[in-house]
Amino acid sequence: MNKELTRMPERMPERPAASQQYPSAASYSFEQIQRMAIAFAKSGLFGVKDADQALALMLHAQATGKHPALVMKDYDIIQNRLAKKAEAMLRDFQVSGGRVEWTKYADDGVTGVFSHPLAPKPVTVSWNLERAKKAGLATKDGAMYSKFAAAMFRSRCISEGVRTIAPDATEQLYTPEEARQIEDDKPAPSVSVNTAVAEAAQQVTNALPEEQVEELVNSLDVKTLSELITAFGKAYTIAKTAGDKAAMDRLKLCYDDMKSMLERGGSDAPF
């Protein structure tokens, strides 16, 4: 047989990186970016709530030289704060040469050993329910820690481990879970006694029955992002019409958590 016909190529052609395959946001005009932001917001594809949020993500894409669609799937805006998803942090960490070995991955705790060529030695990070309770997380996101414990612990491990050993991969941003915690931990603005009493009385008057609030929250337990967006719109409208701010805030939190779970998919998905 002719050896020339059977000879294999010494090296397969390399696949271009994602940044080389698609034009970055820098190649678009501001007017084009605005139109894309409106389109993303109307589609609800990536869960952005309005065109302003989408535009903020587009401008971040322009600043970092990435395609707008890639940035839309890697970032969230939580209470007007840009947040980078744990999966995106882990991917960028690995692309830069980092490695993580999951020595434990279970509902009672997750442990990861993070290493990087620029770090002198590996770092071991562990999260479990006891640590989450100590940090005040299990009470705020109790339902999520009971339903998706391993996934929640993994996100915390990724954020802490990557931030410790290779902070560039985080882009100095928090994960969506951390961003929500920061907002929750902010001290409430001081108000007068009369104002506080009036607001409390108004909240009691407008409060939905607890059973109805639970039904609204449970309605967000769906299988797809499109179903979640529809369910959230209906539930939030009911709470907003009633003027129940506590229910509205709770629905927002549940929406963000469920959205993160659905976007992870795979073994972390509840369905």
C-alpha atoms as a PDB file:
ATOM      1  CA  MET A   1       0.000   0.000   0.000  1.00  0.00           C
ATOM      2  CA  ASN A   2       1.244   3.441  -0.845  1.00  0.00           C
ATOM      3  CA  LYS A   3       2.606   5.011   2.351  1.00  0.00           C
ATOM      4  CA  GLU A   4       1.771   8.460   1.070  1.00  0.00           C
ATOM      5  CA  LEU A   5      -1.928   7.522   1.069  1.00  0.00           C
ATOM      6  CA  THR A   6      -1.898   6.096   4.568  1.00  0.00           C
ATOM      7  CA  ARG A   7       0.201   8.768   6.240  1.00  0.00           C
ATOM      8  CA  MET A   8      -1.729  10.661   8.926  1.00  0.00           C
ATOM      9  CA  PRO A   9      -1.209  14.380   9.351  1.00  0.00           C
ATOM     10  CA  GLU A  10       1.309  15.145  12.075  1.00  0.00           C
ATOM     11  CA  ARG A  11      -0.949  17.756  13.621  1.00  0.00           C
ATOM     12  CA  MET A  12      -4.636  18.398  13.309  1.00  0.00           C
ATOM     13  CA  PRO A  13      -5.596  21.990  12.495  1.00  0.00           C
ATOM     14  CA  GLU A  14      -6.435  23.901  15.652  1.00  0.00           C
ATOM     15  CA  ARG A  15      -9.958  25.116  16.196  1.00  0.00           C
ATOM     16  CA  PRO A  16     -10.076  28.892  16.535  1.00  0.00           C
ATOM     17  CA  ALA A  17     -10.919  30.248  19.963  1.00  0.00           C
ATOM     18  CA  ALA A  18     -14.417  31.582  20.588  1.00  0.00           C
ATOM     19  CA  SER A  19     -13.129  35.143  20.469  1.00  0.00           C
ATOM     20  CA  GLN A  20     -11.761  34.437  16.972  1.00  0.00           C
ATOM     21  CA  GLN A  21     -14.901  32.779  15.648  1.00  0.00           C
ATOM     22  CA  TYR A  22     -17.275  35.631  16.319  1.00  0.00           C
ATOM     23  CA  PRO A  23     -16.938  39.408  16.035  1.00  0.00           C
ATOM     24  CA  SER A  24     -16.627  41.195  19.357  1.00  0.00           C
ATOM     25  CA  ALA A  25     -19.004  43.894  20.547  1.00  0.00           C
ATOM     26  CA  ALA A  26     -16.296  46.430  19.735  1.00  0.00           C
ATOM     27  CA  SER A  27     -17.048  45.928  16.025  1.00  0.00           C
ATOM     28  CA  TYR A  28     -20.624  47.176  16.444  1.00  0.00           C
ATOM     29  CA  SER A  29     -21.807  50.771  16.711  1.00  0.00           C
ATOM     30  CA  PHE A  30     -23.626  51.973  19.813  1.00  0.00           C
ATOM     31  CA  GLU A  31     -26.893  52.093  17.862  1.00  0.00           C
ATOM     32  CA  GLN A  32     -26.452  48.452  16.815  1.00  0.00           C
ATOM     33  CA  ILE A  33     -25.722  47.458  20.409  1.00  0.00           C
ATOM     34  CA  GLN A  34     -28.860  49.278  21.547  1.00  0.00           C
ATOM     35  CA  ARG A  35     -30.960  47.380  19.010  1.00  0.00           C
ATOM     36  CA  MET A  36     -29.444  44.075  20.114  1.00  0.00           C
ATOM     37  CA  ALA A  37     -30.147  44.937  23.761  1.00  0.00           C
ATOM     38  CA  ILE A  38     -33.819  45.579  22.974  1.00  0.00           C
ATOM     39  CA  ALA A  39     -34.020  42.304  21.034  1.00  0.00           C
ATOM     40  CA  PHE A  40     -32.449  40.317  23.887  1.00  0.00           C
ATOM     41  CA  ALA A  41     -34.806  41.890  26.438  1.00  0.00           C
ATOM     42  CA  LYS A  42     -37.912  41.207  24.325  1.00  0.00           C
ATOM     43  CA  SER A  43     -36.938  37.596  23.657  1.00  0.00           C
ATOM     44  CA  GLY A  44     -36.359  36.782  27.333  1.00  0.00           C
ATOM     45  CA  LEU A  45     -33.819  34.239  26.073  1.00  0.00           C
ATOM     46  CA  PHE A  46     -31.171  34.957  28.704  1.00  0.00           C
ATOM     47  CA  GLY A  47     -33.491  36.060  31.491  1.00  0.00           C
ATOM     48  CA  VAL A  48     -32.688  39.795  31.398  1.00  0.00           C
ATOM     49  CA  LYS A  49     -35.600  41.807  32.738  1.00  0.00           C
ATOM     50  CA  ASP A  50     -35.311  44.942  30.579  1.00  0.00           C
ATOM     51  CA  ALA A  51     -33.352  46.582  27.764  1.00  0.00           C
ATOM     52  CA  ASP A  52     -31.241  48.652  30.180  1.00  0.00           C
ATOM     53  CA  GLN A  53     -29.877  45.497  31.822  1.00  0.00           C
ATOM     54  CA  ALA A  54     -29.170  43.981  28.419  1.00  0.00           C
ATOM     55  CA  LEU A  55     -27.410  47.177  27.313  1.00  0.00           C
ATOM     56  CA  ALA A  56     -25.187  47.106  30.419  1.00  0.00           C
ATOM     57  CA  LEU A  57     -24.107  43.571  29.525  1.00  0.00           C
ATOM     58  CA  MET A  58     -23.494  44.650  25.917  1.00  0.00           C
ATOM     59  CA  LEU A  59     -21.222  47.470  27.071  1.00  0.00           C
ATOM     60  CA  HIS A  60     -19.294  45.001  29.233  1.00  0.00           C
ATOM     61  CA  ALA A  61     -18.907  42.825  26.135  1.00  0.00           C
ATOM     62  CA  GLN A  62     -17.566  45.846  24.252  1.00  0.00           C
ATOM     63  CA  ALA A  63     -15.068  46.607  27.020  1.00  0.00           C
ATOM     64  CA  THR A  64     -13.793  42.996  27.200  1.00  0.00           C
ATOM     65  CA  GLY A  65     -13.790  42.305  23.461  1.00  0.00           C
ATOM     66  CA  LYS A  66     -16.369  39.517  23.545  1.00  0.00           C
ATOM     67  CA  HIS A  67     -19.387  38.763  21.391  1.00  0.00           C
ATOM     68  CA  PRO A  68     -22.606  40.090  23.000  1.00  0.00           C
ATOM     69  CA  ALA A  69     -24.335  36.688  23.007  1.00  0.00           C
ATOM     70  CA  LEU A  70     -21.402  35.065  24.837  1.00  0.00           C
ATOM     71  CA  VAL A  71     -21.535  37.719  27.544  1.00  0.00           C
ATOM     72  CA  MET A  72     -25.315  37.393  27.876  1.00  0.00           C
ATOM     73  CA  LYS A  73     -24.998  33.723  28.843  1.00  0.00           C
ATOM     74  CA  ASP A  74     -22.031  34.181  31.207  1.00  0.00           C
ATOM     75  CA  TYR A  75     -23.251  37.099  33.324  1.00  0.00           C
ATOM     76  CA  ASP A  76     -26.277  38.219  35.323  1.00  0.00           C
ATOM     77  CA  ILE A  77     -27.372  41.560  36.733  1.00  0.00           C
ATOM     78  CA  ILE A  78     -28.460  41.209  40.354  1.00  0.00           C
ATOM     79  CA  GLN A  79     -29.933  44.336  41.953  1.00  0.00           C
ATOM     80  CA  ASN A  80     -28.082  46.497  39.401  1.00  0.00           C
ATOM     81  CA  ARG A  81     -24.801  44.708  40.147  1.00  0.00           C
ATOM     82  CA  LEU A  82     -22.932  42.814  37.398  1.00  0.00           C
ATOM     83  CA  ALA A  83     -22.292  39.198  38.432  1.00  0.00           C
ATOM     84  CA  LYS A  84     -20.339  36.413  36.725  1.00  0.00           C
ATOM     85  CA  LYS A  85     -21.763  32.902  36.823  1.00  0.00           C
ATOM     86  CA  ALA A  86     -19.761  30.233  38.650  1.00  0.00           C
ATOM     87  CA  GLU A  87     -19.590  28.059  35.525  1.00  0.00           C
ATOM     88  CA  ALA A  88     -18.037  30.942  33.562  1.00  0.00           C
ATOM     89  CA  MET A  89     -15.498  31.526  36.341  1.00  0.00           C
ATOM     90  CA  LEU A  90     -14.537  27.839  36.325  1.00  0.00           C
ATOM     91  CA  ARG A  91     -14.253  27.765  32.523  1.00  0.00           C
ATOM     92  CA  ASP A  92     -11.976  30.825  32.408  1.00  0.00           C
ATOM     93  CA  PHE A  93      -9.952  29.396  35.289  1.00  0.00           C
ATOM     94  CA  GLN A  94      -9.390  26.155  33.383  1.00  0.00           C
ATOM     95  CA  VAL A  95      -8.633  27.957  30.111  1.00  0.00           C
ATOM     96  CA  SER A  96      -5.869  29.898  31.907  1.00  0.00           C
ATOM     97  CA  GLY A  97      -4.280  26.609  33.013  1.00  0.00           C
ATOM     98  CA  GLY A  98      -6.094  26.025  36.295  1.00  0.00           C
ATOM     99  CA  ARG A  99      -7.324  22.640  37.461  1.00  0.00           C
ATOM    100  CA  VAL A 100      -9.832  21.522  40.068  1.00  0.00           C
ATOM    101  CA  GLU A 101     -10.218  18.055  41.546  1.00  0.00           C
ATOM    102  CA  TRP A 102     -13.551  17.398  43.234  1.00  0.00           C
ATOM    103  CA  THR A 103     -12.612  15.120  46.115  1.00  0.00           C
ATOM    104  CA  LYS A 104     -16.170  15.219  47.430  1.00  0.00           C
ATOM    105  CA  TYR A 105     -19.406  16.067  45.641  1.00  0.00           C
ATOM    106  CA  ALA A 106     -22.532  15.241  47.610  1.00  0.00           C
ATOM    107  CA  ASP A 107     -25.584  16.885  49.164  1.00  0.00           C
ATOM    108  CA  ASP A 108     -23.891  16.932  52.577  1.00  0.00           C
ATOM    109  CA  GLY A 109     -20.883  18.856  51.282  1.00  0.00           C
ATOM    110  CA  VAL A 110     -18.556  19.630  48.375  1.00  0.00           C
ATOM    111  CA  THR A 111     -14.741  19.822  48.434  1.00  0.00           C
ATOM    112  CA  GLY A 112     -12.507  20.979  45.590  1.00  0.00           C
ATOM    113  CA  VAL A 113      -8.718  21.143  45.299  1.00  0.00           C
ATOM    114  CA  PHE A 114      -7.745  24.111  43.111  1.00  0.00           C
ATOM    115  CA  SER A 115      -4.311  24.402  41.455  1.00  0.00           C
ATOM    116  CA  HIS A 116      -2.797  26.790  38.921  1.00  0.00           C
ATOM    117  CA  PRO A 117       0.635  27.102  37.251  1.00  0.00           C
ATOM    118  CA  LEU A 118       1.097  30.558  38.795  1.00  0.00           C
ATOM    119  CA  ALA A 119       0.199  29.414  42.323  1.00  0.00           C
ATOM    120  CA  PRO A 120       2.928  27.889  44.550  1.00  0.00           C
ATOM    121  CA  LYS A 121       0.655  25.166  45.909  1.00  0.00           C
ATOM    122  CA  PRO A 122      -2.958  23.943  45.629  1.00  0.00           C
ATOM    123  CA  VAL A 123      -5.792  25.323  47.739  1.00  0.00           C
ATOM    124  CA  THR A 124      -8.539  23.115  49.186  1.00  0.00           C
ATOM    125  CA  VAL A 125     -11.993  24.660  49.600  1.00  0.00           C
ATOM    126  CA  SER A 126     -14.951  22.961  51.302  1.00  0.00           C
ATOM    127  CA  TRP A 127     -18.565  24.020  51.721  1.00  0.00           C
ATOM    128  CA  ASN A 128     -21.305  22.213  53.632  1.00  0.00           C
ATOM    129  CA  LEU A 129     -24.585  23.008  55.328  1.00  0.00           C
ATOM    130  CA  GLU A 130     -22.902  23.885  58.630  1.00  0.00           C
ATOM    131  CA  ARG A 131     -20.737  26.492  56.937  1.00  0.00           C
ATOM    132  CA  ALA A 132     -23.705  27.832  54.950  1.00  0.00           C
ATOM    133  CA  LYS A 133     -25.700  28.243  58.166  1.00  0.00           C
ATOM    134  CA  LYS A 134     -22.770  29.986  59.851  1.00  0.00           C
ATOM    135  CA  ALA A 135     -22.594  32.426  56.933  1.00  0.00           C
ATOM    136  CA  GLY A 136     -26.342  33.041  57.180  1.00  0.00           C
ATOM    137  CA  LEU A 137     -27.027  31.513  53.757  1.00  0.00           C
ATOM    138  CA  ALA A 138     -29.151  28.493  54.661  1.00  0.00           C
ATOM    139  CA  THR A 139     -31.837  30.693  56.199  1.00  0.00           C
ATOM    140  CA  LYS A 140     -32.052  33.068  53.206  1.00  0.00           C
ATOM    141  CA  ASP A 141     -31.877  30.360  50.519  1.00  0.00           C
ATOM    142  CA  GLY A 142     -33.192  27.512  52.611  1.00  0.00           C
ATOM    143  CA  ALA A 143     -35.299  25.974  49.865  1.00  0.00           C
ATOM    144  CA  MET A 144     -32.415  25.993  47.396  1.00  0.00           C
ATOM    145  CA  TYR A 145     -30.010  24.396  49.879  1.00  0.00           C
ATOM    146  CA  SER A 146     -32.514  21.639  50.575  1.00  0.00           C
ATOM    147  CA  LYS A 147     -33.360  20.982  46.901  1.00  0.00           C
ATOM    148  CA  PHE A 148     -30.005  21.581  45.188  1.00  0.00           C
ATOM    149  CA  ALA A 149     -27.487  21.353  48.027  1.00  0.00           C
ATOM    150  CA  ALA A 150     -24.548  19.985  46.020  1.00  0.00           C
ATOM    151  CA  ALA A 151     -24.977  22.564  43.253  1.00  0.00           C
ATOM    152  CA  MET A 152     -25.142  25.449  45.741  1.00  0.00           C
ATOM    153  CA  PHE A 153     -22.044  24.203  47.595  1.00  0.00           C
ATOM    154  CA  ARG A 154     -20.191  23.753  44.296  1.00  0.00           C
ATOM    155  CA  SER A 155     -20.864  27.366  43.260  1.00  0.00           C
ATOM    156  CA  ARG A 156     -19.509  28.620  46.575  1.00  0.00           C
ATOM    157  CA  CYS A 157     -16.405  26.410  46.215  1.00  0.00           C
ATOM    158  CA  ILE A 158     -15.730  27.650  42.674  1.00  0.00           C
ATOM    159  CA  SER A 159     -16.044  31.298  43.626  1.00  0.00           C
ATOM    160  CA  GLU A 160     -13.819  31.007  46.706  1.00  0.00           C
ATOM    161  CA  GLY A 161     -11.256  28.699  45.121  1.00  0.00           C
ATOM    162  CA  VAL A 162     -10.859  30.626  41.857  1.00  0.00           C
ATOM    163  CA  ARG A 163     -10.827  33.992  43.643  1.00  0.00           C
ATOM    164  CA  THR A 164      -8.092  32.723  45.981  1.00  0.00           C
ATOM    165  CA  ILE A 165      -5.738  31.103  43.477  1.00  0.00           C
ATOM    166  CA  ALA A 166      -6.413  32.875  40.155  1.00  0.00           C
ATOM    167  CA  PRO A 167      -8.454  36.051  40.746  1.00  0.00           C
ATOM    168  CA  ASP A 168      -8.217  37.207  37.107  1.00  0.00           C
ATOM    169  CA  ALA A 169     -10.726  34.493  36.157  1.00  0.00           C
ATOM    170  CA  THR A 170     -13.376  36.181  38.325  1.00  0.00           C
ATOM    171  CA  GLU A 171     -12.829  39.602  36.640  1.00  0.00           C
ATOM    172  CA  GLN A 172     -13.213  41.083  40.135  1.00  0.00           C
ATOM    173  CA  LEU A 173     -16.904  40.154  40.044  1.00  0.00           C
ATOM    174  CA  TYR A 174     -19.113  38.159  42.379  1.00  0.00           C
ATOM    175  CA  THR A 175     -21.285  35.196  41.460  1.00  0.00           C
ATOM    176  CA  PRO A 176     -25.065  35.814  41.298  1.00  0.00           C
ATOM    177  CA  GLU A 177     -25.470  34.021  44.646  1.00  0.00           C
ATOM    178  CA  GLU A 178     -22.856  36.259  46.295  1.00  0.00           C
ATOM    179  CA  ALA A 179     -24.330  39.402  44.754  1.00  0.00           C
ATOM    180  CA  ARG A 180     -27.759  38.571  46.188  1.00  0.00           C
ATOM    181  CA  GLN A 181     -26.201  37.962  49.602  1.00  0.00           C
ATOM    182  CA  ILE A 182     -24.431  41.339  49.507  1.00  0.00           C
ATOM    183  CA  GLU A 183     -27.721  43.088  48.749  1.00  0.00           C
ATOM    184  CA  ASP A 184     -29.479  41.180  51.540  1.00  0.00           C
ATOM    185  CA  ASP A 185     -26.739  42.073  54.031  1.00  0.00           C
ATOM    186  CA  LYS A 186     -26.908  45.817  53.345  1.00  0.00           C
ATOM    187  CA  PRO A 187     -28.241  47.717  56.359  1.00  0.00           C
ATOM    188  CA  ALA A 188     -31.710  49.125  55.881  1.00  0.00           C
ATOM    189  CA  PRO A 189     -31.860  52.924  55.601  1.00  0.00           C
ATOM    190  CA  SER A 190     -32.916  54.692  58.786  1.00  0.00           C
ATOM    191  CA  VAL A 191     -36.515  55.924  58.917  1.00  0.00           C
ATOM    192  CA  SER A 192     -38.601  57.715  61.483  1.00  0.00           C
ATOM    193  CA  VAL A 193     -40.815  55.763  63.880  1.00  0.00           C
ATOM    194  CA  ASN A 194     -43.999  57.177  62.325  1.00  0.00           C
ATOM    195  CA  THR A 195     -42.875  56.214  58.822  1.00  0.00           C
ATOM    196  CA  ALA A 196     -41.935  52.709  59.948  1.00  0.00           C
ATOM    197  CA  VAL A 197     -45.313  52.200  61.642  1.00  0.00           C
ATOM    198  CA  ALA A 198     -47.192  53.457  58.589  1.00  0.00           C
ATOM    199  CA  GLU A 199     -45.201  51.213  56.228  1.00  0.00           C
ATOM    200  CA  ALA A 200     -45.689  48.186  58.481  1.00  0.00           C
ATOM    201  CA  ALA A 201     -49.432  48.794  58.631  1.00  0.00           C
ATOM    202  CA  GLN A 202     -49.579  49.146  54.844  1.00  0.00           C
ATOM    203  CA  GLN A 203     -47.645  45.885  54.363  1.00  0.00           C
ATOM    204  CA  VAL A 204     -50.009  44.024  56.672  1.00  0.00           C
ATOM    205  CA  THR A 205     -52.997  45.430  54.800  1.00  0.00           C
ATOM    206  CA  ASN A 206     -51.583  44.452  51.414  1.00  0.00           C
ATOM    207  CA  ALA A 207     -50.103  41.093  52.434  1.00  0.00           C
ATOM    208  CA  LEU A 208     -51.350  38.063  50.528  1.00  0.00           C
ATOM    209  CA  PRO A 209     -52.344  34.982  52.532  1.00  0.00           C
ATOM    210  CA  GLU A 210     -49.322  32.804  53.278  1.00  0.00           C
ATOM    211  CA  GLU A 211     -50.935  29.878  51.474  1.00  0.00           C
ATOM    212  CA  GLN A 212     -51.293  31.941  48.309  1.00  0.00           C
ATOM    213  CA  VAL A 213     -47.696  33.143  48.508  1.00  0.00           C
ATOM    214  CA  GLU A 214     -46.523  29.525  48.797  1.00  0.00           C
ATOM    215  CA  GLU A 215     -48.603  28.628  45.736  1.00  0.00           C
ATOM    216  CA  LEU A 216     -47.012  31.467  43.774  1.00  0.00           C
ATOM    217  CA  VAL A 217     -43.515  30.377  44.805  1.00  0.00           C
ATOM    218  CA  ASN A 218     -44.244  26.728  43.961  1.00  0.00           C
ATOM    219  CA  SER A 219     -45.504  27.796  40.523  1.00  0.00           C
ATOM    220  CA  LEU A 220     -41.882  28.688  39.662  1.00  0.00           C
ATOM    221  CA  ASP A 221     -40.835  25.045  40.054  1.00  0.00           C
ATOM    222  CA  VAL A 222     -40.763  24.372  36.291  1.00  0.00           C
ATOM    223  CA  LYS A 223     -38.593  22.516  33.780  1.00  0.00           C
ATOM    224  CA  THR A 224     -37.507  25.159  31.256  1.00  0.00           C
ATOM    225  CA  LEU A 225     -36.398  28.794  31.272  1.00  0.00           C
ATOM    226  CA  SER A 226     -39.270  29.861  29.014  1.00  0.00           C
ATOM    227  CA  GLU A 227     -41.755  28.258  31.424  1.00  0.00           C
ATOM    228  CA  LEU A 228     -40.008  30.019  34.317  1.00  0.00           C
ATOM    229  CA  ILE A 229     -40.275  33.436  32.650  1.00  0.00           C
ATOM    230  CA  THR A 230     -43.993  32.905  31.996  1.00  0.00           C
ATOM    231  CA  ALA A 231     -44.680  31.598  35.511  1.00  0.00           C
ATOM    232  CA  PHE A 232     -42.710  34.441  37.117  1.00  0.00           C
ATOM    233  CA  GLY A 233     -44.604  37.051  35.089  1.00  0.00           C
ATOM    234  CA  LYS A 234     -47.959  35.721  36.253  1.00  0.00           C
ATOM    235  CA  ALA A 235     -46.947  35.274  39.890  1.00  0.00           C
ATOM    236  CA  TYR A 236     -45.191  38.634  40.141  1.00  0.00           C
ATOM    237  CA  THR A 237     -48.177  40.425  38.612  1.00  0.00           C
ATOM    238  CA  ILE A 238     -50.456  38.956  41.281  1.00  0.00           C
ATOM    239  CA  ALA A 239     -48.120  40.033  44.089  1.00  0.00           C
ATOM    240  CA  LYS A 240     -47.599  43.477  42.569  1.00  0.00           C
ATOM    241  CA  THR A 241     -51.325  44.040  42.077  1.00  0.00           C
ATOM    242  CA  ALA A 242     -51.878  43.169  45.741  1.00  0.00           C
ATOM    243  CA  GLY A 243     -49.043  45.496  46.763  1.00  0.00           C
ATOM    244  CA  ASP A 244     -47.312  42.692  48.708  1.00  0.00           C
ATOM    245  CA  LYS A 245     -43.667  43.823  48.566  1.00  0.00           C
ATOM    246  CA  ALA A 246     -42.439  40.914  50.690  1.00  0.00           C
ATOM    247  CA  ALA A 247     -43.994  38.430  48.263  1.00  0.00           C
ATOM    248  CA  MET A 248     -42.526  40.334  45.298  1.00  0.00           C
ATOM    249  CA  ASP A 249     -39.036  40.212  46.817  1.00  0.00           C
ATOM    250  CA  ARG A 250     -39.386  36.525  47.588  1.00  0.00           C
ATOM    251  CA  LEU A 251     -40.519  35.756  44.041  1.00  0.00           C
ATOM    252  CA  LYS A 252     -37.542  37.663  42.615  1.00  0.00           C
ATOM    253  CA  LEU A 253     -35.149  35.656  44.770  1.00  0.00           C
ATOM    254  CA  CYS A 254     -36.775  32.347  43.818  1.00  0.00           C
ATOM    255  CA  TYR A 255     -36.725  33.353  40.134  1.00  0.00           C
ATOM    256  CA  ASP A 256     -32.998  34.121  40.193  1.00  0.00           C
ATOM    257  CA  ASP A 257     -32.166  30.882  42.019  1.00  0.00           C
ATOM    258  CA  MET A 258     -34.322  28.699  39.770  1.00  0.00           C
ATOM    259  CA  LYS A 259     -32.943  30.431  36.669  1.00  0.00           C
ATOM    260  CA  SER A 260     -29.397  29.593  37.778  1.00  0.00           C
ATOM    261  CA  MET A 261     -30.357  25.958  38.377  1.00  0.00           C
ATOM    262  CA  LEU A 262     -32.036  25.595  34.988  1.00  0.00           C
ATOM    263  CA  GLU A 263     -29.090  27.174  33.169  1.00  0.00           C
ATOM    264  CA  ARG A 264     -26.693  24.736  34.795  1.00  0.00           C
ATOM    265  CA  GLY A 265     -28.637  21.723  33.536  1.00  0.00           C
ATOM    266  CA  GLY A 266     -26.921  18.335  33.548  1.00  0.00           C
ATOM    267  CA  SER A 267     -26.570  16.541  36.865  1.00  0.00           C
ATOM    268  CA  ASP A 268     -27.454  19.676  38.823  1.00  0.00           C
ATOM    269  CA  ALA A 269     -30.919  20.000  37.272  1.00  0.00           C
ATOM    270  CA  PRO A 270     -33.760  18.948  39.562  1.00  0.00           C
ATOM    271  CA  PHE A 271     -35.697  17.267  36.743  1.00  0.00           C
END
